[in-house]
Amino acid sequence: MVARRYLISGIVQGVGYRYFAVRVARRLGLRGYVRNLPDGRVEVYAEGTLEQLDQLRVYLQEGPPAAVVQRVEETEVPPSGRWDSFEVVY
């Protein structure tokens, strides 16, 4: 089990990005969260296998149809083990 934090920049708030991320992450079997940040970016924290997280990265770069993803910053972080599912955090 590994964990990564993704910071997604571009037109990613108000376009369904968080709910897109939840659908993808749950389909991949990941645990963690997605949330909007005050600076206009979206943060995704996900725990899973390297293969699952690599697949997630591809989807995050694409985003939902109304999004314009300019950048995805990825950082490996220690797994917290705190999450039982993947959800939107407000």
C-alpha atoms as a PDB file:
ATOM      1  CA  MET A   1       0.000   0.000   0.000  1.00  0.00           C
ATOM      2  CA  VAL A   2       1.334   3.391  -1.038  1.00  0.00           C
ATOM      3  CA  ALA A   3      -0.175   6.861  -1.027  1.00  0.00           C
ATOM      4  CA  ARG A   4       0.084   9.885  -3.258  1.00  0.00           C
ATOM      5  CA  ARG A   5      -1.123  13.455  -3.085  1.00  0.00           C
ATOM      6  CA  TYR A   6      -2.108  15.139  -6.336  1.00  0.00           C
ATOM      7  CA  LEU A   7      -2.636  18.874  -6.830  1.00  0.00           C
ATOM      8  CA  ILE A   8      -4.588  19.600  -9.984  1.00  0.00           C
ATOM      9  CA  SER A   9      -4.477  23.077 -11.546  1.00  0.00           C
ATOM     10  CA  GLY A  10      -6.518  24.647 -14.324  1.00  0.00           C
ATOM     11  CA  ILE A  11     -10.270  24.968 -14.699  1.00  0.00           C
ATOM     12  CA  VAL A  12     -11.047  22.259 -12.168  1.00  0.00           C
ATOM     13  CA  GLN A  13     -13.563  23.810  -9.777  1.00  0.00           C
ATOM     14  CA  GLY A  14     -17.238  24.127 -10.645  1.00  0.00           C
ATOM     15  CA  VAL A  15     -16.965  21.597 -13.483  1.00  0.00           C
ATOM     16  CA  GLY A  16     -17.689  18.308 -11.650  1.00  0.00           C
ATOM     17  CA  TYR A  17     -14.035  17.418 -11.138  1.00  0.00           C
ATOM     18  CA  ARG A  18     -14.429  16.177  -7.552  1.00  0.00           C
ATOM     19  CA  TYR A  19     -17.279  13.838  -8.455  1.00  0.00           C
ATOM     20  CA  PHE A  20     -15.355  12.615 -11.488  1.00  0.00           C
ATOM     21  CA  ALA A  21     -12.396  11.840  -9.202  1.00  0.00           C
ATOM     22  CA  VAL A  22     -14.635   9.956  -6.759  1.00  0.00           C
ATOM     23  CA  ARG A  23     -16.126   7.785  -9.517  1.00  0.00           C
ATOM     24  CA  VAL A  24     -12.710   6.957 -10.961  1.00  0.00           C
ATOM     25  CA  ALA A  25     -11.060   6.295  -7.598  1.00  0.00           C
ATOM     26  CA  ARG A  26     -13.870   4.032  -6.414  1.00  0.00           C
ATOM     27  CA  ARG A  27     -13.816   2.119  -9.704  1.00  0.00           C
ATOM     28  CA  LEU A  28     -10.063   1.605  -9.248  1.00  0.00           C
ATOM     29  CA  GLY A  29     -10.559   0.435  -5.645  1.00  0.00           C
ATOM     30  CA  LEU A  30      -8.689   3.340  -4.028  1.00  0.00           C
ATOM     31  CA  ARG A  31      -9.202   4.933  -0.633  1.00  0.00           C
ATOM     32  CA  GLY A  32      -8.786   8.602   0.226  1.00  0.00           C
ATOM     33  CA  TYR A  33     -10.408  11.914  -0.590  1.00  0.00           C
ATOM     34  CA  VAL A  34     -10.764  14.794  -3.009  1.00  0.00           C
ATOM     35  CA  ARG A  35     -11.401  18.424  -2.090  1.00  0.00           C
ATOM     36  CA  ASN A  36     -11.362  21.921  -3.531  1.00  0.00           C
ATOM     37  CA  LEU A  37      -8.602  24.202  -2.284  1.00  0.00           C
ATOM     38  CA  PRO A  38      -9.094  27.944  -1.675  1.00  0.00           C
ATOM     39  CA  ASP A  39      -6.539  28.796  -4.391  1.00  0.00           C
ATOM     40  CA  GLY A  40      -8.643  27.179  -7.159  1.00  0.00           C
ATOM     41  CA  ARG A  41      -6.813  23.856  -7.314  1.00  0.00           C
ATOM     42  CA  VAL A  42      -8.205  20.427  -6.434  1.00  0.00           C
ATOM     43  CA  GLU A  43      -6.371  18.117  -4.029  1.00  0.00           C
ATOM     44  CA  VAL A  44      -6.609  14.331  -4.296  1.00  0.00           C
ATOM     45  CA  TYR A  45      -5.159  12.012  -1.658  1.00  0.00           C
ATOM     46  CA  ALA A  46      -5.257   8.342  -2.619  1.00  0.00           C
ATOM     47  CA  GLU A  47      -4.030   5.073  -1.137  1.00  0.00           C
ATOM     48  CA  GLY A  48      -3.622   1.892  -3.149  1.00  0.00           C
ATOM     49  CA  THR A  49      -1.123  -0.060  -5.221  1.00  0.00           C
ATOM     50  CA  LEU A  50       1.377   1.604  -7.538  1.00  0.00           C
ATOM     51  CA  GLU A  51      -0.585   0.313 -10.529  1.00  0.00           C
ATOM     52  CA  GLN A  52      -3.868   1.752  -9.222  1.00  0.00           C
ATOM     53  CA  LEU A  53      -2.260   5.137  -8.515  1.00  0.00           C
ATOM     54  CA  ASP A  54      -0.608   5.242 -11.940  1.00  0.00           C
ATOM     55  CA  GLN A  55      -4.007   4.626 -13.534  1.00  0.00           C
ATOM     56  CA  LEU A  56      -5.548   7.340 -11.367  1.00  0.00           C
ATOM     57  CA  ARG A  57      -2.928   9.829 -12.549  1.00  0.00           C
ATOM     58  CA  VAL A  58      -3.945   9.247 -16.183  1.00  0.00           C
ATOM     59  CA  TYR A  59      -7.600   9.976 -15.362  1.00  0.00           C
ATOM     60  CA  LEU A  60      -6.763  13.033 -13.236  1.00  0.00           C
ATOM     61  CA  GLN A  61      -4.756  14.498 -16.118  1.00  0.00           C
ATOM     62  CA  GLU A  62      -7.769  14.079 -18.412  1.00  0.00           C
ATOM     63  CA  GLY A  63     -10.535  15.193 -16.018  1.00  0.00           C
ATOM     64  CA  PRO A  64     -14.240  15.445 -16.830  1.00  0.00           C
ATOM     65  CA  PRO A  65     -15.381  16.995 -20.148  1.00  0.00           C
ATOM     66  CA  ALA A  66     -15.853  20.554 -18.780  1.00  0.00           C
ATOM     67  CA  ALA A  67     -12.444  20.678 -17.048  1.00  0.00           C
ATOM     68  CA  VAL A  68      -9.237  22.083 -18.476  1.00  0.00           C
ATOM     69  CA  VAL A  69      -6.384  20.420 -16.601  1.00  0.00           C
ATOM     70  CA  GLN A  70      -3.185  22.428 -16.921  1.00  0.00           C
ATOM     71  CA  ARG A  71      -1.016  20.622 -14.396  1.00  0.00           C
ATOM     72  CA  VAL A  72      -1.016  17.612 -12.052  1.00  0.00           C
ATOM     73  CA  GLU A  73       1.613  17.750  -9.308  1.00  0.00           C
ATOM     74  CA  GLU A  74       2.230  14.367  -7.696  1.00  0.00           C
ATOM     75  CA  THR A  75       3.898  13.688  -4.348  1.00  0.00           C
ATOM     76  CA  GLU A  76       4.404  10.327  -2.684  1.00  0.00           C
ATOM     77  CA  VAL A  77       3.319  10.531   0.951  1.00  0.00           C
ATOM     78  CA  PRO A  78       3.082   8.025   3.818  1.00  0.00           C
ATOM     79  CA  PRO A  79      -0.207   6.076   3.817  1.00  0.00           C
ATOM     80  CA  SER A  80      -2.434   7.151   6.691  1.00  0.00           C
ATOM     81  CA  GLY A  81      -4.634   4.054   6.750  1.00  0.00           C
ATOM     82  CA  ARG A  82      -7.419   6.365   7.891  1.00  0.00           C
ATOM     83  CA  TRP A  83      -9.731   6.038   4.893  1.00  0.00           C
ATOM     84  CA  ASP A  84     -12.159   3.154   4.347  1.00  0.00           C
ATOM     85  CA  SER A  85     -13.471   4.477   1.024  1.00  0.00           C
ATOM     86  CA  PHE A  86     -12.966   7.384  -1.340  1.00  0.00           C
ATOM     87  CA  GLU A  87     -15.009  10.509  -0.703  1.00  0.00           C
ATOM     88  CA  VAL A  88     -15.405  14.244  -1.184  1.00  0.00           C
ATOM     89  CA  VAL A  89     -14.169  16.265   1.787  1.00  0.00           C
ATOM     90  CA  TYR A  90     -15.609  19.747   2.322  1.00  0.00           C
END
